[in-house]
PDB file of N, CA and C in Angstrom:
ATOM      1  N   MET A   1      -0.312 -10.903  -6.071  1.00  0.00           N
ATOM      2  CA  MET A   1       0.624 -10.181  -5.251  1.00  0.00           C
ATOM      3  C   MET A   1       1.173 -11.138  -4.196  1.00  0.00           C
ATOM      4  N   ARG A   2       2.462 -11.039  -3.968  1.00  0.00           N
ATOM      5  CA  ARG A   2       3.125 -11.861  -2.964  1.00  0.00           C
ATOM      6  C   ARG A   2       3.188 -11.078  -1.662  1.00  0.00           C
ATOM      7  N   VAL A   3       2.644 -11.634  -0.601  1.00  0.00           N
ATOM      8  CA  VAL A   3       2.641 -10.995   0.710  1.00  0.00           C
ATOM      9  C   VAL A   3       3.515 -11.818   1.643  1.00  0.00           C
ATOM     10  N   GLN A   4       4.487 -11.161   2.256  1.00  0.00           N
ATOM     11  CA  GLN A   4       5.385 -11.824   3.192  1.00  0.00           C
ATOM     12  C   GLN A   4       5.247 -11.138   4.544  1.00  0.00           C
ATOM     13  N   ILE A   5       4.965 -11.918   5.581  1.00  0.00           N
ATOM     14  CA  ILE A   5       4.748 -11.380   6.917  1.00  0.00           C
ATOM     15  C   ILE A   5       5.860 -11.877   7.834  1.00  0.00           C
ATOM     16  N   ALA A   6       6.469 -10.943   8.574  1.00  0.00           N
ATOM     17  CA  ALA A   6       7.554 -11.282   9.500  1.00  0.00           C
ATOM     18  C   ALA A   6       7.257 -10.661  10.857  1.00  0.00           C
ATOM     19  N   ALA A   7       7.785 -11.286  11.895  1.00  0.00           N
ATOM     20  CA  ALA A   7       7.624 -10.785  13.260  1.00  0.00           C
ATOM     21  C   ALA A   7       8.994 -10.671  13.903  1.00  0.00           C
ATOM     22  N   ARG A   8       9.244  -9.523  14.526  1.00  0.00           N
ATOM     23  CA  ARG A   8      10.507  -9.302  15.216  1.00  0.00           C
ATOM     24  C   ARG A   8      10.237  -9.166  16.711  1.00  0.00           C
ATOM     25  N   HIS A   9      10.840 -10.012  17.483  1.00  0.00           N
ATOM     26  CA  HIS A   9      10.762  -9.956  18.947  1.00  0.00           C
ATOM     27  C   HIS A   9       9.339 -10.107  19.478  1.00  0.00           C
ATOM     28  N   CYS A  10       8.488 -10.800  18.759  1.00  0.00           N
ATOM     29  CA  CYS A  10       7.109 -10.960  19.230  1.00  0.00           C
ATOM     30  C   CYS A  10       6.458 -12.150  18.532  1.00  0.00           C
ATOM     31  N   ASP A  11       5.310 -12.525  19.053  1.00  0.00           N
ATOM     32  CA  ASP A  11       4.471 -13.543  18.436  1.00  0.00           C
ATOM     33  C   ASP A  11       3.190 -12.874  17.981  1.00  0.00           C
ATOM     34  N   ILE A  12       2.751 -13.225  16.789  1.00  0.00           N
ATOM     35  CA  ILE A  12       1.554 -12.607  16.224  1.00  0.00           C
ATOM     36  C   ILE A  12       0.455 -13.653  16.160  1.00  0.00           C
ATOM     37  N   PRO A  13      -0.745 -13.318  16.647  1.00  0.00           N
ATOM     38  CA  PRO A  13      -1.858 -14.263  16.527  1.00  0.00           C
ATOM     39  C   PRO A  13      -2.236 -14.482  15.055  1.00  0.00           C
ATOM     40  N   ASP A  14      -2.808 -15.640  14.784  1.00  0.00           N
ATOM     41  CA  ASP A  14      -3.210 -15.958  13.405  1.00  0.00           C
ATOM     42  C   ASP A  14      -4.263 -14.993  12.882  1.00  0.00           C
ATOM     43  N   SER A  15      -5.129 -14.488  13.756  1.00  0.00           N
ATOM     44  CA  SER A  15      -6.159 -13.549  13.305  1.00  0.00           C
ATOM     45  C   SER A  15      -5.539 -12.258  12.795  1.00  0.00           C
ATOM     46  N   VAL A  16      -4.457 -11.798  13.427  1.00  0.00           N
ATOM     47  CA  VAL A  16      -3.779 -10.576  12.984  1.00  0.00           C
ATOM     48  C   VAL A  16      -3.073 -10.841  11.659  1.00  0.00           C
ATOM     49  N   ARG A  17      -2.479 -12.018  11.512  1.00  0.00           N
ATOM     50  CA  ARG A  17      -1.809 -12.355  10.247  1.00  0.00           C
ATOM     51  C   ARG A  17      -2.791 -12.378   9.075  1.00  0.00           C
ATOM     52  N   THR A  18      -3.924 -13.033   9.282  1.00  0.00           N
ATOM     53  CA  THR A  18      -4.899 -13.105   8.187  1.00  0.00           C
ATOM     54  C   THR A  18      -5.469 -11.732   7.867  1.00  0.00           C
ATOM     55  N   ARG A  19      -5.715 -10.919   8.894  1.00  0.00           N
ATOM     56  CA  ARG A  19      -6.242  -9.571   8.650  1.00  0.00           C
ATOM     57  C   ARG A  19      -5.220  -8.735   7.892  1.00  0.00           C
ATOM     58  N   ALA A  20      -3.946  -8.854   8.247  1.00  0.00           N
ATOM     59  CA  ALA A  20      -2.896  -8.108   7.552  1.00  0.00           C
ATOM     60  C   ALA A  20      -2.836  -8.521   6.085  1.00  0.00           C
ATOM     61  N   GLU A  21      -2.908  -9.807   5.831  1.00  0.00           N
ATOM     62  CA  GLU A  21      -2.846 -10.280   4.441  1.00  0.00           C
ATOM     63  C   GLU A  21      -4.046  -9.799   3.640  1.00  0.00           C
ATOM     64  N   GLU A  22      -5.239  -9.861   4.228  1.00  0.00           N
ATOM     65  CA  GLU A  22      -6.441  -9.404   3.531  1.00  0.00           C
ATOM     66  C   GLU A  22      -6.380  -7.916   3.222  1.00  0.00           C
ATOM     67  N   GLN A  23      -5.958  -7.120   4.211  1.00  0.00           N
ATOM     68  CA  GLN A  23      -5.908  -5.671   4.025  1.00  0.00           C
ATOM     69  C   GLN A  23      -4.876  -5.282   2.964  1.00  0.00           C
ATOM     70  N   VAL A  24      -3.726  -5.944   2.970  1.00  0.00           N
ATOM     71  CA  VAL A  24      -2.687  -5.621   1.998  1.00  0.00           C
ATOM     72  C   VAL A  24      -3.128  -6.021   0.593  1.00  0.00           C
ATOM     73  N   LEU A  25      -3.806  -7.148   0.467  1.00  0.00           N
ATOM     74  CA  LEU A  25      -4.279  -7.565  -0.853  1.00  0.00           C
ATOM     75  C   LEU A  25      -5.304  -6.591  -1.416  1.00  0.00           C
ATOM     76  N   ARG A  26      -6.069  -5.933  -0.562  1.00  0.00           N
ATOM     77  CA  ARG A  26      -7.043  -4.937  -1.025  1.00  0.00           C
ATOM     78  C   ARG A  26      -6.378  -3.706  -1.626  1.00  0.00           C
ATOM     79  N   LEU A  27      -5.136  -3.438  -1.248  1.00  0.00           N
ATOM     80  CA  LEU A  27      -4.440  -2.258  -1.768  1.00  0.00           C
ATOM     81  C   LEU A  27      -4.152  -2.367  -3.262  1.00  0.00           C
ATOM     82  N   ALA A  28      -4.202  -3.563  -3.812  1.00  0.00           N
ATOM     83  CA  ALA A  28      -3.917  -3.748  -5.233  1.00  0.00           C
ATOM     84  C   ALA A  28      -4.959  -3.075  -6.115  1.00  0.00           C
ATOM     85  N   LYS A  29      -6.130  -2.780  -5.581  1.00  0.00           N
ATOM     86  CA  LYS A  29      -7.155  -2.120  -6.397  1.00  0.00           C
ATOM     87  C   LYS A  29      -6.784  -0.673  -6.719  1.00  0.00           C
ATOM     88  N   TYR A  30      -5.902  -0.065  -5.915  1.00  0.00           N
ATOM     89  CA  TYR A  30      -5.494   1.309  -6.177  1.00  0.00           C
ATOM     90  C   TYR A  30      -4.401   1.398  -7.223  1.00  0.00           C
ATOM     91  N   ASP A  31      -3.547   0.384  -7.293  1.00  0.00           N
ATOM     92  CA  ASP A  31      -2.477   0.369  -8.289  1.00  0.00           C
ATOM     93  C   ASP A  31      -2.178  -1.087  -8.648  1.00  0.00           C
ATOM     94  N   PRO A  32      -2.515  -1.498  -9.859  1.00  0.00           N
ATOM     95  CA  PRO A  32      -2.294  -2.901 -10.237  1.00  0.00           C
ATOM     96  C   PRO A  32      -0.815  -3.257 -10.393  1.00  0.00           C
ATOM     97  N   ARG A  33       0.078  -2.271 -10.383  1.00  0.00           N
ATOM     98  CA  ARG A  33       1.503  -2.549 -10.530  1.00  0.00           C
ATOM     99  C   ARG A  33       2.143  -3.025  -9.231  1.00  0.00           C
ATOM    100  N   VAL A  34       1.412  -3.001  -8.122  1.00  0.00           N
ATOM    101  CA  VAL A  34       1.954  -3.474  -6.847  1.00  0.00           C
ATOM    102  C   VAL A  34       2.143  -4.984  -6.950  1.00  0.00           C
ATOM    103  N   SER A  35       3.397  -5.427  -6.793  1.00  0.00           N
ATOM    104  CA  SER A  35       3.691  -6.847  -6.999  1.00  0.00           C
ATOM    105  C   SER A  35       4.031  -7.584  -5.710  1.00  0.00           C
ATOM    106  N   THR A  36       4.660  -6.904  -4.760  1.00  0.00           N
ATOM    107  CA  THR A  36       5.038  -7.555  -3.511  1.00  0.00           C
ATOM    108  C   THR A  36       4.684  -6.676  -2.320  1.00  0.00           C
ATOM    109  N   ALA A  37       4.507  -7.309  -1.190  1.00  0.00           N
ATOM    110  CA  ALA A  37       4.261  -6.586   0.055  1.00  0.00           C
ATOM    111  C   ALA A  37       4.976  -7.308   1.188  1.00  0.00           C
ATOM    112  N   ASP A  38       5.799  -6.572   1.912  1.00  0.00           N
ATOM    113  CA  ASP A  38       6.493  -7.107   3.074  1.00  0.00           C
ATOM    114  C   ASP A  38       5.931  -6.415   4.304  1.00  0.00           C
ATOM    115  N   VAL A  39       5.338  -7.193   5.211  1.00  0.00           N
ATOM    116  CA  VAL A  39       4.740  -6.669   6.434  1.00  0.00           C
ATOM    117  C   VAL A  39       5.602  -7.133   7.601  1.00  0.00           C
ATOM    118  N   VAL A  40       6.070  -6.169   8.410  1.00  0.00           N
ATOM    119  CA  VAL A  40       6.930  -6.488   9.544  1.00  0.00           C
ATOM    120  C   VAL A  40       6.258  -5.999  10.819  1.00  0.00           C
ATOM    121  N   PHE A  41       6.035  -6.923  11.730  1.00  0.00           N
ATOM    122  CA  PHE A  41       5.493  -6.603  13.048  1.00  0.00           C
ATOM    123  C   PHE A  41       6.656  -6.585  14.029  1.00  0.00           C
ATOM    124  N   GLU A  42       6.702  -5.546  14.865  1.00  0.00           N
ATOM    125  CA  GLU A  42       7.786  -5.418  15.828  1.00  0.00           C
ATOM    126  C   GLU A  42       7.218  -4.944  17.157  1.00  0.00           C
ATOM    127  N   GLU A  43       7.771  -5.475  18.244  1.00  0.00           N
ATOM    128  CA  GLU A  43       7.286  -5.116  19.576  1.00  0.00           C
ATOM    129  C   GLU A  43       8.450  -4.683  20.444  1.00  0.00           C
ATOM    130  N   GLU A  44       8.296  -3.514  21.085  1.00  0.00           N
ATOM    131  CA  GLU A  44       9.267  -3.019  22.053  1.00  0.00           C
ATOM    132  C   GLU A  44       8.497  -2.537  23.271  1.00  0.00           C
ATOM    133  N   ARG A  45       8.580  -3.270  24.328  1.00  0.00           N
ATOM    134  CA  ARG A  45       7.874  -2.988  25.574  1.00  0.00           C
ATOM    135  C   ARG A  45       6.394  -2.764  25.332  1.00  0.00           C
ATOM    136  N   VAL A  46       5.913  -1.520  25.405  1.00  0.00           N
ATOM    137  CA  VAL A  46       4.476  -1.279  25.245  1.00  0.00           C
ATOM    138  C   VAL A  46       4.119  -0.778  23.856  1.00  0.00           C
ATOM    139  N   VAL A  47       5.115  -0.526  23.018  1.00  0.00           N
ATOM    140  CA  VAL A  47       4.871   0.009  21.675  1.00  0.00           C
ATOM    141  C   VAL A  47       4.945  -1.120  20.663  1.00  0.00           C
ATOM    142  N   ARG A  48       3.924  -1.187  19.830  1.00  0.00           N
ATOM    143  CA  ARG A  48       3.905  -2.173  18.751  1.00  0.00           C
ATOM    144  C   ARG A  48       3.934  -1.430  17.426  1.00  0.00           C
ATOM    145  N   ARG A  49       4.852  -1.853  16.568  1.00  0.00           N
ATOM    146  CA  ARG A  49       5.030  -1.182  15.274  1.00  0.00           C
ATOM    147  C   ARG A  49       4.701  -2.140  14.145  1.00  0.00           C
ATOM    148  N   VAL A  50       4.151  -1.554  13.093  1.00  0.00           N
ATOM    149  CA  VAL A  50       3.894  -2.308  11.870  1.00  0.00           C
ATOM    150  C   VAL A  50       4.493  -1.502  10.727  1.00  0.00           C
ATOM    151  N   GLU A  51       5.266  -2.171   9.895  1.00  0.00           N
ATOM    152  CA  GLU A  51       5.864  -1.523   8.735  1.00  0.00           C
ATOM    153  C   GLU A  51       5.489  -2.332   7.497  1.00  0.00           C
ATOM    154  N   VAL A  52       5.056  -1.638   6.460  1.00  0.00           N
ATOM    155  CA  VAL A  52       4.691  -2.302   5.207  1.00  0.00           C
ATOM    156  C   VAL A  52       5.501  -1.668   4.082  1.00  0.00           C
ATOM    157  N   VAL A  53       6.143  -2.515   3.289  1.00  0.00           N
ATOM    158  CA  VAL A  53       6.895  -2.075   2.123  1.00  0.00           C
ATOM    159  C   VAL A  53       6.229  -2.680   0.908  1.00  0.00           C
ATOM    160  N   LEU A  54       5.678  -1.825   0.043  1.00  0.00           N
ATOM    161  CA  LEU A  54       5.040  -2.284  -1.187  1.00  0.00           C
ATOM    162  C   LEU A  54       6.023  -2.138  -2.333  1.00  0.00           C
ATOM    163  N   GLY A  55       6.261  -3.225  -3.036  1.00  0.00           N
ATOM    164  CA  GLY A  55       7.106  -3.187  -4.215  1.00  0.00           C
ATOM    165  C   GLY A  55       6.250  -2.930  -5.442  1.00  0.00           C
ATOM    166  N   VAL A  56       6.546  -1.826  -6.132  1.00  0.00           N
ATOM    167  CA  VAL A  56       5.774  -1.433  -7.310  1.00  0.00           C
ATOM    168  C   VAL A  56       6.612  -1.733  -8.541  1.00  0.00           C
ATOM    169  N   HIS A  57       6.048  -2.496  -9.459  1.00  0.00           N
ATOM    170  CA  HIS A  57       6.756  -2.860 -10.684  1.00  0.00           C
ATOM    171  C   HIS A  57       7.008  -1.599 -11.510  1.00  0.00           C
ATOM    172  N   GLY A  58       8.269  -1.329 -11.785  1.00  0.00           N
ATOM    173  CA  GLY A  58       8.618  -0.162 -12.588  1.00  0.00           C
ATOM    174  C   GLY A  58       8.613   1.137 -11.810  1.00  0.00           C
ATOM    175  N   GLY A  59       8.665   1.072 -10.491  1.00  0.00           N
ATOM    176  CA  GLY A  59       8.641   2.291  -9.692  1.00  0.00           C
ATOM    177  C   GLY A  59       9.349   2.109  -8.366  1.00  0.00           C
ATOM    178  N   GLU A  60       9.338   3.168  -7.587  1.00  0.00           N
ATOM    179  CA  GLU A  60       9.955   3.156  -6.273  1.00  0.00           C
ATOM    180  C   GLU A  60       9.089   2.383  -5.284  1.00  0.00           C
ATOM    181  N   PRO A  61       9.687   1.707  -4.320  1.00  0.00           N
ATOM    182  CA  PRO A  61       8.878   1.043  -3.288  1.00  0.00           C
ATOM    183  C   PRO A  61       8.201   2.084  -2.400  1.00  0.00           C
ATOM    184  N   ILE A  62       7.042   1.732  -1.886  1.00  0.00           N
ATOM    185  CA  ILE A  62       6.280   2.614  -1.016  1.00  0.00           C
ATOM    186  C   ILE A  62       6.349   2.033   0.390  1.00  0.00           C
ATOM    187  N   ILE A  63       6.792   2.857   1.344  1.00  0.00           N
ATOM    188  CA  ILE A  63       7.003   2.407   2.714  1.00  0.00           C
ATOM    189  C   ILE A  63       6.117   3.210   3.648  1.00  0.00           C
ATOM    190  N   ALA A  64       5.457   2.519   4.578  1.00  0.00           N
ATOM    191  CA  ALA A  64       4.643   3.191   5.595  1.00  0.00           C
ATOM    192  C   ALA A  64       4.821   2.470   6.920  1.00  0.00           C
ATOM    193  N   ARG A  65       4.781   3.259   7.994  1.00  0.00           N
ATOM    194  CA  ARG A  65       4.944   2.713   9.345  1.00  0.00           C
ATOM    195  C   ARG A  65       3.825   3.219  10.237  1.00  0.00           C
ATOM    196  N   GLY A  66       3.480   2.414  11.232  1.00  0.00           N
ATOM    197  CA  GLY A  66       2.472   2.816  12.197  1.00  0.00           C
ATOM    198  C   GLY A  66       2.796   2.250  13.564  1.00  0.00           C
ATOM    199  N   GLU A  67       2.473   3.032  14.601  1.00  0.00           N
ATOM    200  CA  GLU A  67       2.719   2.613  15.982  1.00  0.00           C
ATOM    201  C   GLU A  67       1.445   2.748  16.792  1.00  0.00           C
ATOM    202  N   ASP A  68       1.261   1.840  17.719  1.00  0.00           N
ATOM    203  CA  ASP A  68       0.143   1.921  18.654  1.00  0.00           C
ATOM    204  C   ASP A  68       0.365   0.897  19.755  1.00  0.00           C
ATOM    205  N   ALA A  69      -0.556   0.864  20.685  1.00  0.00           N
ATOM    206  CA  ALA A  69      -0.448  -0.098  21.776  1.00  0.00           C
ATOM    207  C   ALA A  69      -0.857  -1.501  21.339  1.00  0.00           C
ATOM    208  N   GLU A  70      -1.641  -1.606  20.274  1.00  0.00           N
ATOM    209  CA  GLU A  70      -2.104  -2.896  19.756  1.00  0.00           C
ATOM    210  C   GLU A  70      -1.700  -3.034  18.290  1.00  0.00           C
ATOM    211  N   PHE A  71      -1.475  -4.273  17.869  1.00  0.00           N
ATOM    212  CA  PHE A  71      -1.084  -4.522  16.484  1.00  0.00           C
ATOM    213  C   PHE A  71      -2.195  -4.174  15.495  1.00  0.00           C
ATOM    214  N   LEU A  72      -3.437  -4.457  15.842  1.00  0.00           N
ATOM    215  CA  LEU A  72      -4.535  -4.212  14.898  1.00  0.00           C
ATOM    216  C   LEU A  72      -4.709  -2.734  14.588  1.00  0.00           C
ATOM    217  N   THR A  73      -4.636  -1.886  15.605  1.00  0.00           N
ATOM    218  CA  THR A  73      -4.792  -0.453  15.346  1.00  0.00           C
ATOM    219  C   THR A  73      -3.589   0.101  14.597  1.00  0.00           C
ATOM    220  N   ALA A  74      -2.389  -0.396  14.893  1.00  0.00           N
ATOM    221  CA  ALA A  74      -1.208   0.029  14.143  1.00  0.00           C
ATOM    222  C   ALA A  74      -1.320  -0.412  12.687  1.00  0.00           C
ATOM    223  N   LEU A  75      -1.837  -1.607  12.468  1.00  0.00           N
ATOM    224  CA  LEU A  75      -2.038  -2.105  11.108  1.00  0.00           C
ATOM    225  C   LEU A  75      -3.053  -1.249  10.361  1.00  0.00           C
ATOM    226  N   ASP A  76      -4.146  -0.879  11.021  1.00  0.00           N
ATOM    227  CA  ASP A  76      -5.152  -0.032  10.385  1.00  0.00           C
ATOM    228  C   ASP A  76      -4.566   1.321   9.987  1.00  0.00           C
ATOM    229  N   LYS A  77      -3.718   1.890  10.832  1.00  0.00           N
ATOM    230  CA  LYS A  77      -3.077   3.170  10.512  1.00  0.00           C
ATOM    231  C   LYS A  77      -2.197   3.049   9.272  1.00  0.00           C
ATOM    232  N   VAL A  78      -1.442   1.960   9.206  1.00  0.00           N
ATOM    233  CA  VAL A  78      -0.543   1.755   8.060  1.00  0.00           C
ATOM    234  C   VAL A  78      -1.346   1.582   6.776  1.00  0.00           C
ATOM    235  N   ILE A  79      -2.409   0.814   6.838  1.00  0.00           N
ATOM    236  CA  ILE A  79      -3.222   0.571   5.641  1.00  0.00           C
ATOM    237  C   ILE A  79      -3.856   1.872   5.160  1.00  0.00           C
ATOM    238  N   GLN A  80      -4.326   2.701   6.088  1.00  0.00           N
ATOM    239  CA  GLN A  80      -4.900   3.995   5.704  1.00  0.00           C
ATOM    240  C   GLN A  80      -3.858   4.881   5.035  1.00  0.00           C
ATOM    241  N   ARG A  81      -2.649   4.904   5.568  1.00  0.00           N
ATOM    242  CA  ARG A  81      -1.581   5.716   4.977  1.00  0.00           C
ATOM    243  C   ARG A  81      -1.224   5.231   3.579  1.00  0.00           C
ATOM    244  N   LEU A  82      -1.122   3.924   3.417  1.00  0.00           N
ATOM    245  CA  LEU A  82      -0.785   3.382   2.103  1.00  0.00           C
ATOM    246  C   LEU A  82      -1.894   3.645   1.093  1.00  0.00           C
ATOM    247  N   ALA A  83      -3.139   3.482   1.508  1.00  0.00           N
ATOM    248  CA  ALA A  83      -4.259   3.747   0.596  1.00  0.00           C
ATOM    249  C   ALA A  83      -4.257   5.196   0.167  1.00  0.00           C
ATOM    250  N   ARG A  84      -4.006   6.098   1.107  1.00  0.00           N
ATOM    251  CA  ARG A  84      -3.974   7.520   0.785  1.00  0.00           C
ATOM    252  C   ARG A  84      -2.851   7.835  -0.199  1.00  0.00           C
ATOM    253  N   ARG A  85      -1.671   7.235   0.020  1.00  0.00           N
ATOM    254  CA  ARG A  85      -0.547   7.483  -0.887  1.00  0.00           C
ATOM    255  C   ARG A  85      -0.789   6.911  -2.274  1.00  0.00           C
ATOM    256  N   LEU A  86      -1.365   5.695  -2.333  1.00  0.00           N
ATOM    257  CA  LEU A  86      -1.644   5.098  -3.641  1.00  0.00           C
ATOM    258  C   LEU A  86      -2.711   5.882  -4.396  1.00  0.00           C
ATOM    259  N   LYS A  87      -3.728   6.364  -3.694  1.00  0.00           N
ATOM    260  CA  LYS A  87      -4.760   7.190  -4.344  1.00  0.00           C
ATOM    261  C   LYS A  87      -4.164   8.478  -4.882  1.00  0.00           C
ATOM    262  N   ARG A  88      -3.291   9.106  -4.097  1.00  0.00           N
ATOM    263  CA  ARG A  88      -2.666  10.354  -4.522  1.00  0.00           C
ATOM    264  C   ARG A  88      -1.806  10.128  -5.757  1.00  0.00           C
ATOM    265  N   GLN A  89      -1.043   9.029  -5.785  1.00  0.00           N
ATOM    266  CA  GLN A  89      -0.226   8.729  -6.954  1.00  0.00           C
ATOM    267  C   GLN A  89      -1.087   8.479  -8.182  1.00  0.00           C
ATOM    268  N   ARG A  90      -2.213   7.791  -7.992  1.00  0.00           N
ATOM    269  CA  ARG A  90      -3.099   7.516  -9.119  1.00  0.00           C
ATOM    270  C   ARG A  90      -3.708   8.807  -9.654  1.00  0.00           C
ATOM    271  N   ASP A  91      -4.080   9.718  -8.752  1.00  0.00           N
ATOM    272  CA  ASP A  91      -4.670  10.977  -9.186  1.00  0.00           C
ATOM    273  C   ASP A  91      -3.669  11.866  -9.906  1.00  0.00           C
ATOM    274  N   ARG A  92      -2.401  11.747  -9.555  1.00  0.00           N
ATOM    275  CA  ARG A  92      -1.378  12.568 -10.204  1.00  0.00           C
ATOM    276  C   ARG A  92      -1.092  12.113 -11.632  1.00  0.00           C
ATOM    277  N   LYS A  93      -1.371  10.856 -11.909  1.00  0.00           N
ATOM    278  CA  LYS A  93      -1.156  10.349 -13.263  1.00  0.00           C
ATOM    279  C   LYS A  93      -2.321  10.796 -14.132  1.00  0.00           C
ATOM    280  N   THR A  94      -2.063  11.755 -14.965  1.00  0.00           N
ATOM    281  CA  THR A  94      -3.094  12.217 -15.894  1.00  0.00           C
ATOM    282  C   THR A  94      -2.512  12.232 -17.295  1.00  0.00           C
ATOM    283  N   ASN A  95      -3.360  12.238 -18.247  1.00  0.00           N
ATOM    284  CA  ASN A  95      -2.932  12.288 -19.629  1.00  0.00           C
ATOM    285  C   ASN A  95      -2.735  13.753 -19.996  1.00  0.00           C
ATOM    286  N   HIS A  96      -1.491  14.152 -20.196  1.00  0.00           N
ATOM    287  CA  HIS A  96      -1.191  15.547 -20.482  1.00  0.00           C
ATOM    288  C   HIS A  96      -1.145  15.840 -21.982  1.00  0.00           C
ATOM    289  N   LYS A  97      -1.448  14.857 -22.789  1.00  0.00           N
ATOM    290  CA  LYS A  97      -1.424  15.067 -24.234  1.00  0.00           C
ATOM    291  C   LYS A  97      -2.789  15.562 -24.692  1.00  0.00           C
ATOM    292  N   ALA A  98      -2.764  16.390 -25.680  1.00  0.00           N
ATOM    293  CA  ALA A  98      -4.012  16.916 -26.228  1.00  0.00           C
ATOM    294  C   ALA A  98      -4.716  15.812 -27.005  1.00  0.00           C
ATOM    295  N   PRO A  99      -6.049  15.852 -27.052  1.00  0.00           N
ATOM    296  CA  PRO A  99      -6.755  14.835 -27.838  1.00  0.00           C
ATOM    297  C   PRO A  99      -6.434  14.999 -29.320  1.00  0.00           C
ATOM    298  N   PRO A 100      -6.498  13.922 -30.091  1.00  0.00           N
ATOM    299  CA  PRO A 100      -6.166  14.023 -31.519  1.00  0.00           C
ATOM    300  C   PRO A 100      -7.193  14.887 -32.246  1.00  0.00           C
ATOM    301  N   LEU A 101      -6.697  15.621 -33.234  1.00  0.00           N
ATOM    302  CA  LEU A 101      -7.589  16.448 -34.037  1.00  0.00           C
ATOM    303  C   LEU A 101      -8.425  15.556 -34.935  1.00  0.00           C
ATOM    304  N   SER A 102      -9.711  15.868 -35.072  1.00  0.00           N
ATOM    305  CA  SER A 102     -10.558  15.055 -35.923  1.00  0.00           C
ATOM    306  C   SER A 102     -10.269  15.374 -37.398  1.00  0.00           C
ATOM    307  N   ASP A 103     -10.372  14.350 -38.236  1.00  0.00           N
ATOM    308  CA  ASP A 103     -10.070  14.500 -39.660  1.00  0.00           C
ATOM    309  C   ASP A 103     -11.206  15.197 -40.371  1.00  0.00           C
ATOM    310  N   GLY A 104     -10.878  16.070 -41.262  1.00  0.00           N
ATOM    311  CA  GLY A 104     -11.890  16.692 -42.115  1.00  0.00           C
ATOM    312  C   GLY A 104     -12.622  17.872 -41.504  1.00  0.00           C
ATOM    313  N   VAL A 105     -12.442  18.165 -40.281  1.00  0.00           N
ATOM    314  CA  VAL A 105     -13.123  19.304 -39.685  1.00  0.00           C
ATOM    315  C   VAL A 105     -12.139  20.459 -39.641  1.00  0.00           C
ATOM    316  N   VAL A 106     -12.158  21.223 -40.682  1.00  0.00           N
ATOM    317  CA  VAL A 106     -11.282  22.389 -40.800  1.00  0.00           C
ATOM    318  C   VAL A 106     -12.185  23.572 -41.090  1.00  0.00           C
ATOM    319  N   GLY A 107     -11.835  24.714 -40.562  1.00  0.00           N
ATOM    320  CA  GLY A 107     -12.664  25.904 -40.764  1.00  0.00           C
ATOM    321  C   GLY A 107     -12.954  26.153 -42.248  1.00  0.00           C
ATOM    322  N   ASP A 108     -14.219  26.202 -42.651  1.00  0.00           N
ATOM    323  CA  ASP A 108     -14.588  26.383 -44.051  1.00  0.00           C
ATOM    324  C   ASP A 108     -14.677  27.823 -44.420  1.00  0.00           C
TER     325      ASP A 108
END
């Protein structure tokens, strides 16, 4: 998975960057079709925002945003939201086809 991290109007410590990359890479276990992740950190006065856009191969991109006073807590909120959405999508995918009929077992 390709992870791209950007900062708007702020500087991000290296520890936050590495944590963001690690957390986003863990999301691939919920859906292996996730191919790209764009993480955007933004700061406006006392509010810090984190936005993550996951590109899913063969599907719609998944977008989540989080706000808090600190980047780490905003990042944790975003990761929780994305994990919840990916789990829900995985649970919705079920096999709606009936199992194949076995050969030779016909009412005698």
